[in-house]
Amino acid sequence: MTDDSKKFRKVNANLGQQPNIGPFPADQFLPWIAIVGTSYYLCKVLLQFNWVATGCVAAWGIATWWVLTGSKSWRFLSKFIGTPYLVRGYGRYRPFLKSDSQDPR
């Protein structure tokens, strides 16, 4: 009985997993929509390419984004966050509240 009470029982099998929409990770869909929209505007509207060329450009952009960000997007995207400039400063001590008694020093 002691062995059974110490075993871990998993209640929800999806805890700790990345959300997916079919076989694709869910956090990739908003960037993919932006890539498809941008490639449509650039290739189809501005440059007057056909649908095959527009689809190839969109697929290339989606594939590049997926390779760069993938399942561990922080590895690539954290490079664009600046590191803080930390400096050790020294200041003269000033008490927050002034005391009425005189310091004998």
PDB file of N, CA and C in Angstrom:
ATOM      1  N   MET A   1       0.814  -1.185   0.000  1.00  0.00           N
ATOM      2  CA  MET A   1       0.000   0.000   0.000  1.00  0.00           C
ATOM      3  C   MET A   1       0.864   1.258   0.000  1.00  0.00           C
ATOM      4  N   THR A   2       1.997   1.213   0.623  1.00  0.00           N
ATOM      5  CA  THR A   2       2.855   2.390   0.648  1.00  0.00           C
ATOM      6  C   THR A   2       3.444   2.677  -0.732  1.00  0.00           C
ATOM      7  N   ASP A   3       3.688   1.642  -1.525  1.00  0.00           N
ATOM      8  CA  ASP A   3       4.224   1.853  -2.864  1.00  0.00           C
ATOM      9  C   ASP A   3       3.198   2.522  -3.778  1.00  0.00           C
ATOM     10  N   ASP A   4       1.943   2.137  -3.660  1.00  0.00           N
ATOM     11  CA  ASP A   4       0.891   2.717  -4.496  1.00  0.00           C
ATOM     12  C   ASP A   4       0.609   4.170  -4.136  1.00  0.00           C
ATOM     13  N   SER A   5       0.737   4.528  -2.875  1.00  0.00           N
ATOM     14  CA  SER A   5       0.424   5.897  -2.469  1.00  0.00           C
ATOM     15  C   SER A   5       1.519   6.877  -2.877  1.00  0.00           C
ATOM     16  N   LYS A   6       2.738   6.381  -3.116  1.00  0.00           N
ATOM     17  CA  LYS A   6       3.837   7.261  -3.498  1.00  0.00           C
ATOM     18  C   LYS A   6       3.981   7.425  -4.999  1.00  0.00           C
ATOM     19  N   LYS A   7       3.257   6.662  -5.781  1.00  0.00           N
ATOM     20  CA  LYS A   7       3.356   6.773  -7.236  1.00  0.00           C
ATOM     21  C   LYS A   7       2.662   8.043  -7.705  1.00  0.00           C
ATOM     22  N   PHE A   8       3.240   8.629  -8.738  1.00  0.00           N
ATOM     23  CA  PHE A   8       2.663   9.832  -9.323  1.00  0.00           C
ATOM     24  C   PHE A   8       1.608   9.438 -10.343  1.00  0.00           C
ATOM     25  N   ARG A   9       0.456  10.018 -10.220  1.00  0.00           N
ATOM     26  CA  ARG A   9      -0.629   9.729 -11.151  1.00  0.00           C
ATOM     27  C   ARG A   9      -0.882  10.966 -11.994  1.00  0.00           C
ATOM     28  N   LYS A  10      -0.681  10.844 -13.276  1.00  0.00           N
ATOM     29  CA  LYS A  10      -0.851  11.972 -14.183  1.00  0.00           C
ATOM     30  C   LYS A  10      -2.333  12.136 -14.500  1.00  0.00           C
ATOM     31  N   VAL A  11      -2.871  13.302 -14.185  1.00  0.00           N
ATOM     32  CA  VAL A  11      -4.288  13.548 -14.381  1.00  0.00           C
ATOM     33  C   VAL A  11      -4.546  14.026 -15.805  1.00  0.00           C
ATOM     34  N   ASN A  12      -3.749  14.973 -16.293  1.00  0.00           N
ATOM     35  CA  ASN A  12      -3.920  15.530 -17.631  1.00  0.00           C
ATOM     36  C   ASN A  12      -2.654  15.249 -18.428  1.00  0.00           C
ATOM     37  N   ALA A  13      -2.771  14.485 -19.489  1.00  0.00           N
ATOM     38  CA  ALA A  13      -1.598  14.109 -20.284  1.00  0.00           C
ATOM     39  C   ALA A  13      -1.046  15.275 -21.093  1.00  0.00           C
ATOM     40  N   ASN A  14      -1.830  16.343 -21.282  1.00  0.00           N
ATOM     41  CA  ASN A  14      -1.392  17.478 -22.090  1.00  0.00           C
ATOM     42  C   ASN A  14      -0.641  18.541 -21.294  1.00  0.00           C
ATOM     43  N   LEU A  15      -0.517  18.361 -19.997  1.00  0.00           N
ATOM     44  CA  LEU A  15       0.209  19.346 -19.202  1.00  0.00           C
ATOM     45  C   LEU A  15       1.686  19.336 -19.574  1.00  0.00           C
ATOM     46  N   GLY A  16       2.233  20.527 -19.778  1.00  0.00           N
ATOM     47  CA  GLY A  16       3.642  20.654 -20.105  1.00  0.00           C
ATOM     48  C   GLY A  16       3.971  20.479 -21.571  1.00  0.00           C
ATOM     49  N   GLN A  17       2.981  20.270 -22.422  1.00  0.00           N
ATOM     50  CA  GLN A  17       3.238  20.120 -23.850  1.00  0.00           C
ATOM     51  C   GLN A  17       2.924  21.419 -24.577  1.00  0.00           C
ATOM     52  N   GLN A  18       3.545  21.585 -25.738  1.00  0.00           N
ATOM     53  CA  GLN A  18       3.318  22.771 -26.554  1.00  0.00           C
ATOM     54  C   GLN A  18       2.003  22.618 -27.314  1.00  0.00           C
ATOM     55  N   PRO A  19       1.173  23.672 -27.360  1.00  0.00           N
ATOM     56  CA  PRO A  19      -0.089  23.562 -28.097  1.00  0.00           C
ATOM     57  C   PRO A  19       0.148  23.454 -29.595  1.00  0.00           C
ATOM     58  N   ASN A  20      -0.618  22.599 -30.252  1.00  0.00           N
ATOM     59  CA  ASN A  20      -0.492  22.374 -31.690  1.00  0.00           C
ATOM     60  C   ASN A  20      -1.835  22.552 -32.367  1.00  0.00           C
ATOM     61  N   ILE A  21      -1.780  22.962 -33.615  1.00  0.00           N
ATOM     62  CA  ILE A  21      -2.940  22.964 -34.497  1.00  0.00           C
ATOM     63  C   ILE A  21      -2.602  21.962 -35.580  1.00  0.00           C
ATOM     64  N   GLY A  22      -3.092  20.755 -35.424  1.00  0.00           N
ATOM     65  CA  GLY A  22      -2.678  19.677 -36.318  1.00  0.00           C
ATOM     66  C   GLY A  22      -1.226  19.345 -36.047  1.00  0.00           C
ATOM     67  N   PRO A  23      -0.415  19.197 -37.090  1.00  0.00           N
ATOM     68  CA  PRO A  23       1.004  18.893 -36.869  1.00  0.00           C
ATOM     69  C   PRO A  23       1.871  20.141 -36.674  1.00  0.00           C
ATOM     70  N   PHE A  24       1.267  21.320 -36.729  1.00  0.00           N
ATOM     71  CA  PHE A  24       2.033  22.566 -36.671  1.00  0.00           C
ATOM     72  C   PHE A  24       1.919  23.207 -35.295  1.00  0.00           C
ATOM     73  N   PRO A  25       3.014  23.807 -34.801  1.00  0.00           N
ATOM     74  CA  PRO A  25       2.959  24.475 -33.503  1.00  0.00           C
ATOM     75  C   PRO A  25       2.079  25.718 -33.568  1.00  0.00           C
ATOM     76  N   ALA A  26       1.293  25.939 -32.535  1.00  0.00           N
ATOM     77  CA  ALA A  26       0.309  27.017 -32.534  1.00  0.00           C
ATOM     78  C   ALA A  26       0.954  28.400 -32.476  1.00  0.00           C
ATOM     79  N   ASP A  27       2.140  28.520 -31.888  1.00  0.00           N
ATOM     80  CA  ASP A  27       2.765  29.841 -31.793  1.00  0.00           C
ATOM     81  C   ASP A  27       3.355  30.318 -33.116  1.00  0.00           C
ATOM     82  N   GLN A  28       3.322  29.500 -34.145  1.00  0.00           N
ATOM     83  CA  GLN A  28       3.859  29.881 -35.444  1.00  0.00           C
ATOM     84  C   GLN A  28       2.812  30.511 -36.364  1.00  0.00           C
ATOM     85  N   PHE A  29       1.535  30.385 -36.062  1.00  0.00           N
ATOM     86  CA  PHE A  29       0.512  30.798 -37.015  1.00  0.00           C
ATOM     87  C   PHE A  29       0.424  32.307 -37.216  1.00  0.00           C
ATOM     88  N   LEU A  30       0.549  33.109 -36.188  1.00  0.00           N
ATOM     89  CA  LEU A  30       0.495  34.560 -36.386  1.00  0.00           C
ATOM     90  C   LEU A  30       1.663  35.070 -37.228  1.00  0.00           C
ATOM     91  N   PRO A  31       2.902  34.640 -36.982  1.00  0.00           N
ATOM     92  CA  PRO A  31       3.971  35.061 -37.882  1.00  0.00           C
ATOM     93  C   PRO A  31       3.770  34.549 -39.306  1.00  0.00           C
ATOM     94  N   TRP A  32       3.229  33.349 -39.462  1.00  0.00           N
ATOM     95  CA  TRP A  32       2.992  32.822 -40.805  1.00  0.00           C
ATOM     96  C   TRP A  32       1.946  33.646 -41.539  1.00  0.00           C
ATOM     97  N   ILE A  33       0.912  34.080 -40.840  1.00  0.00           N
ATOM     98  CA  ILE A  33      -0.103  34.930 -41.464  1.00  0.00           C
ATOM     99  C   ILE A  33       0.519  36.251 -41.905  1.00  0.00           C
ATOM    100  N   ALA A  34       1.393  36.815 -41.088  1.00  0.00           N
ATOM    101  CA  ALA A  34       2.073  38.055 -41.459  1.00  0.00           C
ATOM    102  C   ALA A  34       2.991  37.838 -42.666  1.00  0.00           C
ATOM    103  N   ILE A  35       3.671  36.705 -42.711  1.00  0.00           N
ATOM    104  CA  ILE A  35       4.568  36.411 -43.839  1.00  0.00           C
ATOM    105  C   ILE A  35       3.767  36.222 -45.118  1.00  0.00           C
ATOM    106  N   VAL A  36       2.642  35.511 -45.058  1.00  0.00           N
ATOM    107  CA  VAL A  36       1.806  35.306 -46.243  1.00  0.00           C
ATOM    108  C   VAL A  36       1.224  36.639 -46.719  1.00  0.00           C
ATOM    109  N   GLY A  37       0.756  37.466 -45.789  1.00  0.00           N
ATOM    110  CA  GLY A  37       0.212  38.770 -46.162  1.00  0.00           C
ATOM    111  C   GLY A  37       1.247  39.678 -46.793  1.00  0.00           C
ATOM    112  N   THR A  38       2.442  39.683 -46.233  1.00  0.00           N
ATOM    113  CA  THR A  38       3.519  40.510 -46.786  1.00  0.00           C
ATOM    114  C   THR A  38       3.950  40.009 -48.155  1.00  0.00           C
ATOM    115  N   SER A  39       4.080  38.702 -48.299  1.00  0.00           N
ATOM    116  CA  SER A  39       4.491  38.172 -49.606  1.00  0.00           C
ATOM    117  C   SER A  39       3.401  38.395 -50.652  1.00  0.00           C
ATOM    118  N   TYR A  40       2.123  38.310 -50.266  1.00  0.00           N
ATOM    119  CA  TYR A  40       1.041  38.607 -51.207  1.00  0.00           C
ATOM    120  C   TYR A  40       1.106  40.062 -51.660  1.00  0.00           C
ATOM    121  N   TYR A  41       1.281  40.956 -50.689  1.00  0.00           N
ATOM    122  CA  TYR A  41       1.314  42.380 -51.040  1.00  0.00           C
ATOM    123  C   TYR A  41       2.519  42.705 -51.918  1.00  0.00           C
ATOM    124  N   LEU A  42       3.688  42.187 -51.558  1.00  0.00           N
ATOM    125  CA  LEU A  42       4.893  42.494 -52.335  1.00  0.00           C
ATOM    126  C   LEU A  42       4.883  41.835 -53.712  1.00  0.00           C
ATOM    127  N   CYS A  43       4.563  40.561 -53.758  1.00  0.00           N
ATOM    128  CA  CYS A  43       4.690  39.812 -55.015  1.00  0.00           C
ATOM    129  C   CYS A  43       3.483  39.980 -55.928  1.00  0.00           C
ATOM    130  N   LYS A  44       2.294  39.872 -55.391  1.00  0.00           N
ATOM    131  CA  LYS A  44       1.103  39.883 -56.238  1.00  0.00           C
ATOM    132  C   LYS A  44       0.638  41.302 -56.546  1.00  0.00           C
ATOM    133  N   VAL A  45       0.632  42.174 -55.547  1.00  0.00           N
ATOM    134  CA  VAL A  45       0.095  43.518 -55.742  1.00  0.00           C
ATOM    135  C   VAL A  45       1.143  44.445 -56.348  1.00  0.00           C
ATOM    136  N   LEU A  46       2.315  44.535 -55.750  1.00  0.00           N
ATOM    137  CA  LEU A  46       3.310  45.489 -56.223  1.00  0.00           C
ATOM    138  C   LEU A  46       4.066  45.014 -57.461  1.00  0.00           C
ATOM    139  N   LEU A  47       4.541  43.766 -57.444  1.00  0.00           N
ATOM    140  CA  LEU A  47       5.396  43.286 -58.537  1.00  0.00           C
ATOM    141  C   LEU A  47       4.635  42.525 -59.618  1.00  0.00           C
ATOM    142  N   GLN A  48       3.351  42.275 -59.440  1.00  0.00           N
ATOM    143  CA  GLN A  48       2.499  41.611 -60.432  1.00  0.00           C
ATOM    144  C   GLN A  48       2.993  40.209 -60.811  1.00  0.00           C
ATOM    145  N   PHE A  49       3.513  39.445 -59.812  1.00  0.00           N
ATOM    146  CA  PHE A  49       3.920  38.069 -60.066  1.00  0.00           C
ATOM    147  C   PHE A  49       2.683  37.178 -60.153  1.00  0.00           C
ATOM    148  N   ASN A  50       2.857  35.971 -60.694  1.00  0.00           N
ATOM    149  CA  ASN A  50       1.737  35.027 -60.722  1.00  0.00           C
ATOM    150  C   ASN A  50       1.612  34.344 -59.357  1.00  0.00           C
ATOM    151  N   TRP A  51       0.576  33.492 -59.219  1.00  0.00           N
ATOM    152  CA  TRP A  51       0.303  32.861 -57.945  1.00  0.00           C
ATOM    153  C   TRP A  51       1.362  31.843 -57.554  1.00  0.00           C
ATOM    154  N   VAL A  52       1.989  31.219 -58.516  1.00  0.00           N
ATOM    155  CA  VAL A  52       3.021  30.222 -58.206  1.00  0.00           C
ATOM    156  C   VAL A  52       4.230  30.901 -57.563  1.00  0.00           C
ATOM    157  N   ALA A  53       4.660  32.014 -58.131  1.00  0.00           N
ATOM    158  CA  ALA A  53       5.799  32.742 -57.576  1.00  0.00           C
ATOM    159  C   ALA A  53       5.456  33.315 -56.200  1.00  0.00           C
ATOM    160  N   THR A  54       4.243  33.818 -56.048  1.00  0.00           N
ATOM    161  CA  THR A  54       3.817  34.358 -54.764  1.00  0.00           C
ATOM    162  C   THR A  54       3.777  33.263 -53.702  1.00  0.00           C
ATOM    163  N   GLY A  55       3.260  32.087 -54.068  1.00  0.00           N
ATOM    164  CA  GLY A  55       3.229  30.960 -53.141  1.00  0.00           C
ATOM    165  C   GLY A  55       4.614  30.465 -52.777  1.00  0.00           C
ATOM    166  N   CYS A  56       5.531  30.483 -53.752  1.00  0.00           N
ATOM    167  CA  CYS A  56       6.913  30.060 -53.469  1.00  0.00           C
ATOM    168  C   CYS A  56       7.598  31.020 -52.501  1.00  0.00           C
ATOM    169  N   VAL A  57       7.373  32.313 -52.687  1.00  0.00           N
ATOM    170  CA  VAL A  57       7.970  33.298 -51.787  1.00  0.00           C
ATOM    171  C   VAL A  57       7.377  33.147 -50.380  1.00  0.00           C
ATOM    172  N   ALA A  58       6.062  32.932 -50.297  1.00  0.00           N
ATOM    173  CA  ALA A  58       5.430  32.742 -48.993  1.00  0.00           C
ATOM    174  C   ALA A  58       5.935  31.462 -48.322  1.00  0.00           C
ATOM    175  N   ALA A  59       6.060  30.382 -49.087  1.00  0.00           N
ATOM    176  CA  ALA A  59       6.559  29.122 -48.526  1.00  0.00           C
ATOM    177  C   ALA A  59       8.007  29.261 -48.070  1.00  0.00           C
ATOM    178  N   TRP A  60       8.810  29.986 -48.829  1.00  0.00           N
ATOM    179  CA  TRP A  60      10.204  30.217 -48.427  1.00  0.00           C
ATOM    180  C   TRP A  60      10.262  31.024 -47.129  1.00  0.00           C
ATOM    181  N   GLY A  61       9.430  32.052 -47.006  1.00  0.00           N
ATOM    182  CA  GLY A  61       9.413  32.856 -45.784  1.00  0.00           C
ATOM    183  C   GLY A  61       8.949  32.058 -44.584  1.00  0.00           C
ATOM    184  N   ILE A  62       7.914  31.235 -44.771  1.00  0.00           N
ATOM    185  CA  ILE A  62       7.412  30.408 -43.672  1.00  0.00           C
ATOM    186  C   ILE A  62       8.456  29.384 -43.250  1.00  0.00           C
ATOM    187  N   ALA A  63       9.103  28.750 -44.229  1.00  0.00           N
ATOM    188  CA  ALA A  63      10.123  27.751 -43.901  1.00  0.00           C
ATOM    189  C   ALA A  63      11.307  28.383 -43.175  1.00  0.00           C
ATOM    190  N   THR A  64      11.708  29.567 -43.610  1.00  0.00           N
ATOM    191  CA  THR A  64      12.823  30.256 -42.951  1.00  0.00           C
ATOM    192  C   THR A  64      12.458  30.608 -41.514  1.00  0.00           C
ATOM    193  N   TRP A  65      11.250  31.133 -41.328  1.00  0.00           N
ATOM    194  CA  TRP A  65      10.822  31.498 -39.973  1.00  0.00           C
ATOM    195  C   TRP A  65      10.731  30.276 -39.076  1.00  0.00           C
ATOM    196  N   TRP A  66      10.235  29.174 -39.600  1.00  0.00           N
ATOM    197  CA  TRP A  66      10.083  27.955 -38.807  1.00  0.00           C
ATOM    198  C   TRP A  66      11.451  27.385 -38.415  1.00  0.00           C
ATOM    199  N   VAL A  67      12.415  27.445 -39.335  1.00  0.00           N
ATOM    200  CA  VAL A  67      13.747  26.940 -39.020  1.00  0.00           C
ATOM    201  C   VAL A  67      14.416  27.818 -37.966  1.00  0.00           C
ATOM    202  N   LEU A  68      14.249  29.140 -38.085  1.00  0.00           N
ATOM    203  CA  LEU A  68      14.913  30.042 -37.147  1.00  0.00           C
ATOM    204  C   LEU A  68      14.295  30.004 -35.757  1.00  0.00           C
ATOM    205  N   THR A  69      12.979  29.912 -35.680  1.00  0.00           N
ATOM    206  CA  THR A  69      12.345  29.976 -34.366  1.00  0.00           C
ATOM    207  C   THR A  69      11.970  28.604 -33.840  1.00  0.00           C
ATOM    208  N   GLY A  70      11.485  27.711 -34.669  1.00  0.00           N
ATOM    209  CA  GLY A  70      11.220  26.315 -34.322  1.00  0.00           C
ATOM    210  C   GLY A  70      10.560  26.088 -32.988  1.00  0.00           C
ATOM    211  N   SER A  71      10.957  25.034 -32.299  1.00  0.00           N
ATOM    212  CA  SER A  71      10.345  24.699 -31.024  1.00  0.00           C
ATOM    213  C   SER A  71      10.962  25.480 -29.870  1.00  0.00           C
ATOM    214  N   LYS A  72      12.143  26.015 -30.074  1.00  0.00           N
ATOM    215  CA  LYS A  72      12.805  26.804 -29.031  1.00  0.00           C
ATOM    216  C   LYS A  72      13.071  28.197 -29.576  1.00  0.00           C
ATOM    217  N   SER A  73      12.011  28.979 -29.696  1.00  0.00           N
ATOM    218  CA  SER A  73      12.119  30.283 -30.337  1.00  0.00           C
ATOM    219  C   SER A  73      12.992  31.250 -29.545  1.00  0.00           C
ATOM    220  N   TRP A  74      13.109  31.065 -28.252  1.00  0.00           N
ATOM    221  CA  TRP A  74      13.904  31.975 -27.442  1.00  0.00           C
ATOM    222  C   TRP A  74      15.375  31.946 -27.831  1.00  0.00           C
ATOM    223  N   ARG A  75      15.850  30.833 -28.412  1.00  0.00           N
ATOM    224  CA  ARG A  75      17.268  30.755 -28.791  1.00  0.00           C
ATOM    225  C   ARG A  75      17.623  31.776 -29.859  1.00  0.00           C
ATOM    226  N   PHE A  76      16.716  32.002 -30.805  1.00  0.00           N
ATOM    227  CA  PHE A  76      16.983  32.957 -31.869  1.00  0.00           C
ATOM    228  C   PHE A  76      16.486  34.354 -31.511  1.00  0.00           C
ATOM    229  N   LEU A  77      15.281  34.454 -31.000  1.00  0.00           N
ATOM    230  CA  LEU A  77      14.677  35.757 -30.766  1.00  0.00           C
ATOM    231  C   LEU A  77      15.281  36.488 -29.575  1.00  0.00           C
ATOM    232  N   SER A  78      15.903  35.782 -28.635  1.00  0.00           N
ATOM    233  CA  SER A  78      16.501  36.462 -27.489  1.00  0.00           C
ATOM    234  C   SER A  78      17.760  37.232 -27.872  1.00  0.00           C
ATOM    235  N   LYS A  79      18.277  36.999 -29.064  1.00  0.00           N
ATOM    236  CA  LYS A  79      19.458  37.747 -29.511  1.00  0.00           C
ATOM    237  C   LYS A  79      19.133  39.208 -29.776  1.00  0.00           C
ATOM    238  N   PHE A  80      17.861  39.539 -29.977  1.00  0.00           N
ATOM    239  CA  PHE A  80      17.466  40.900 -30.305  1.00  0.00           C
ATOM    240  C   PHE A  80      17.079  41.722 -29.088  1.00  0.00           C
ATOM    241  N   ILE A  81      17.134  41.128 -27.903  1.00  0.00           N
ATOM    242  CA  ILE A  81      16.835  41.849 -26.673  1.00  0.00           C
ATOM    243  C   ILE A  81      18.157  42.328 -26.101  1.00  0.00           C
ATOM    244  N   GLY A  82      18.261  43.617 -25.929  1.00  0.00           N
ATOM    245  CA  GLY A  82      19.505  44.192 -25.427  1.00  0.00           C
ATOM    246  C   GLY A  82      19.762  43.825 -23.987  1.00  0.00           C
ATOM    247  N   THR A  83      21.010  43.622 -23.668  1.00  0.00           N
ATOM    248  CA  THR A  83      21.366  43.327 -22.282  1.00  0.00           C
ATOM    249  C   THR A  83      21.473  44.638 -21.516  1.00  0.00           C
ATOM    250  N   PRO A  84      21.070  44.659 -20.281  1.00  0.00           N
ATOM    251  CA  PRO A  84      21.127  45.904 -19.506  1.00  0.00           C
ATOM    252  C   PRO A  84      22.571  46.274 -19.170  1.00  0.00           C
ATOM    253  N   TYR A  85      22.807  47.552 -19.088  1.00  0.00           N
ATOM    254  CA  TYR A  85      24.122  48.059 -18.727  1.00  0.00           C
ATOM    255  C   TYR A  85      24.132  48.271 -17.220  1.00  0.00           C
ATOM    256  N   LEU A  86      24.808  47.386 -16.512  1.00  0.00           N
ATOM    257  CA  LEU A  86      24.828  47.430 -15.061  1.00  0.00           C
ATOM    258  C   LEU A  86      26.119  48.081 -14.576  1.00  0.00           C
ATOM    259  N   VAL A  87      25.968  49.019 -13.672  1.00  0.00           N
ATOM    260  CA  VAL A  87      27.122  49.744 -13.134  1.00  0.00           C
ATOM    261  C   VAL A  87      27.012  49.727 -11.619  1.00  0.00           C
ATOM    262  N   ARG A  88      28.112  49.529 -10.977  1.00  0.00           N
ATOM    263  CA  ARG A  88      28.114  49.595  -9.515  1.00  0.00           C
ATOM    264  C   ARG A  88      28.391  51.039  -9.120  1.00  0.00           C
ATOM    265  N   GLY A  89      27.460  51.615  -8.434  1.00  0.00           N
ATOM    266  CA  GLY A  89      27.609  53.010  -8.028  1.00  0.00           C
ATOM    267  C   GLY A  89      27.805  53.139  -6.536  1.00  0.00           C
ATOM    268  N   TYR A  90      28.490  54.196  -6.158  1.00  0.00           N
ATOM    269  CA  TYR A  90      28.722  54.469  -4.751  1.00  0.00           C
ATOM    270  C   TYR A  90      28.203  55.864  -4.465  1.00  0.00           C
ATOM    271  N   GLY A  91      27.411  55.961  -3.434  1.00  0.00           N
ATOM    272  CA  GLY A  91      26.884  57.257  -3.048  1.00  0.00           C
ATOM    273  C   GLY A  91      27.062  57.489  -1.570  1.00  0.00           C
ATOM    274  N   ARG A  92      27.020  58.749  -1.191  1.00  0.00           N
ATOM    275  CA  ARG A  92      27.154  59.094   0.215  1.00  0.00           C
ATOM    276  C   ARG A  92      25.864  58.747   0.929  1.00  0.00           C
ATOM    277  N   TYR A  93      25.992  58.195   2.101  1.00  0.00           N
ATOM    278  CA  TYR A  93      24.824  57.793   2.866  1.00  0.00           C
ATOM    279  C   TYR A  93      24.119  59.028   3.415  1.00  0.00           C
ATOM    280  N   ARG A  94      22.847  59.105   3.116  1.00  0.00           N
ATOM    281  CA  ARG A  94      22.006  60.152   3.688  1.00  0.00           C
ATOM    282  C   ARG A  94      20.797  59.465   4.303  1.00  0.00           C
ATOM    283  N   PRO A  95      20.538  59.691   5.557  1.00  0.00           N
ATOM    284  CA  PRO A  95      19.407  59.014   6.189  1.00  0.00           C
ATOM    285  C   PRO A  95      18.081  59.509   5.608  1.00  0.00           C
ATOM    286  N   PHE A  96      17.136  58.634   5.555  1.00  0.00           N
ATOM    287  CA  PHE A  96      15.831  58.966   5.009  1.00  0.00           C
ATOM    288  C   PHE A  96      15.079  59.912   5.949  1.00  0.00           C
ATOM    289  N   LEU A  97      15.151  59.617   7.232  1.00  0.00           N
ATOM    290  CA  LEU A  97      14.521  60.465   8.239  1.00  0.00           C
ATOM    291  C   LEU A  97      15.602  61.145   9.061  1.00  0.00           C
ATOM    292  N   LYS A  98      15.441  62.446   9.259  1.00  0.00           N
ATOM    293  CA  LYS A  98      16.425  63.163  10.069  1.00  0.00           C
ATOM    294  C   LYS A  98      16.065  63.001  11.541  1.00  0.00           C
ATOM    295  N   SER A  99      17.064  62.700  12.326  1.00  0.00           N
ATOM    296  CA  SER A  99      16.814  62.541  13.759  1.00  0.00           C
ATOM    297  C   SER A  99      17.056  63.879  14.463  1.00  0.00           C
ATOM    298  N   ASP A 100      16.382  64.076  15.590  1.00  0.00           N
ATOM    299  CA  ASP A 100      16.527  65.305  16.346  1.00  0.00           C
ATOM    300  C   ASP A 100      17.803  65.317  17.174  1.00  0.00           C
ATOM    301  N   SER A 101      18.311  64.161  17.522  1.00  0.00           N
ATOM    302  CA  SER A 101      19.506  64.127  18.358  1.00  0.00           C
ATOM    303  C   SER A 101      20.734  64.413  17.493  1.00  0.00           C
ATOM    304  N   GLN A 102      21.699  65.068  18.094  1.00  0.00           N
ATOM    305  CA  GLN A 102      22.937  65.401  17.423  1.00  0.00           C
ATOM    306  C   GLN A 102      23.884  64.202  17.466  1.00  0.00           C
ATOM    307  N   ASP A 103      24.553  63.953  16.386  1.00  0.00           N
ATOM    308  CA  ASP A 103      25.516  62.872  16.305  1.00  0.00           C
ATOM    309  C   ASP A 103      26.813  63.343  16.954  1.00  0.00           C
ATOM    310  N   PRO A 104      27.381  62.600  17.921  1.00  0.00           N
ATOM    311  CA  PRO A 104      28.593  63.054  18.619  1.00  0.00           C
ATOM    312  C   PRO A 104      29.847  62.991  17.759  1.00  0.00           C
ATOM    313  N   ARG A 105      29.777  62.455  16.585  1.00  0.00           N
ATOM    314  CA  ARG A 105      31.000  62.342  15.768  1.00  0.00           C
ATOM    315  C   ARG A 105      31.405  63.633  15.257  1.00  0.00           C
TER     316      ARG A 105
END
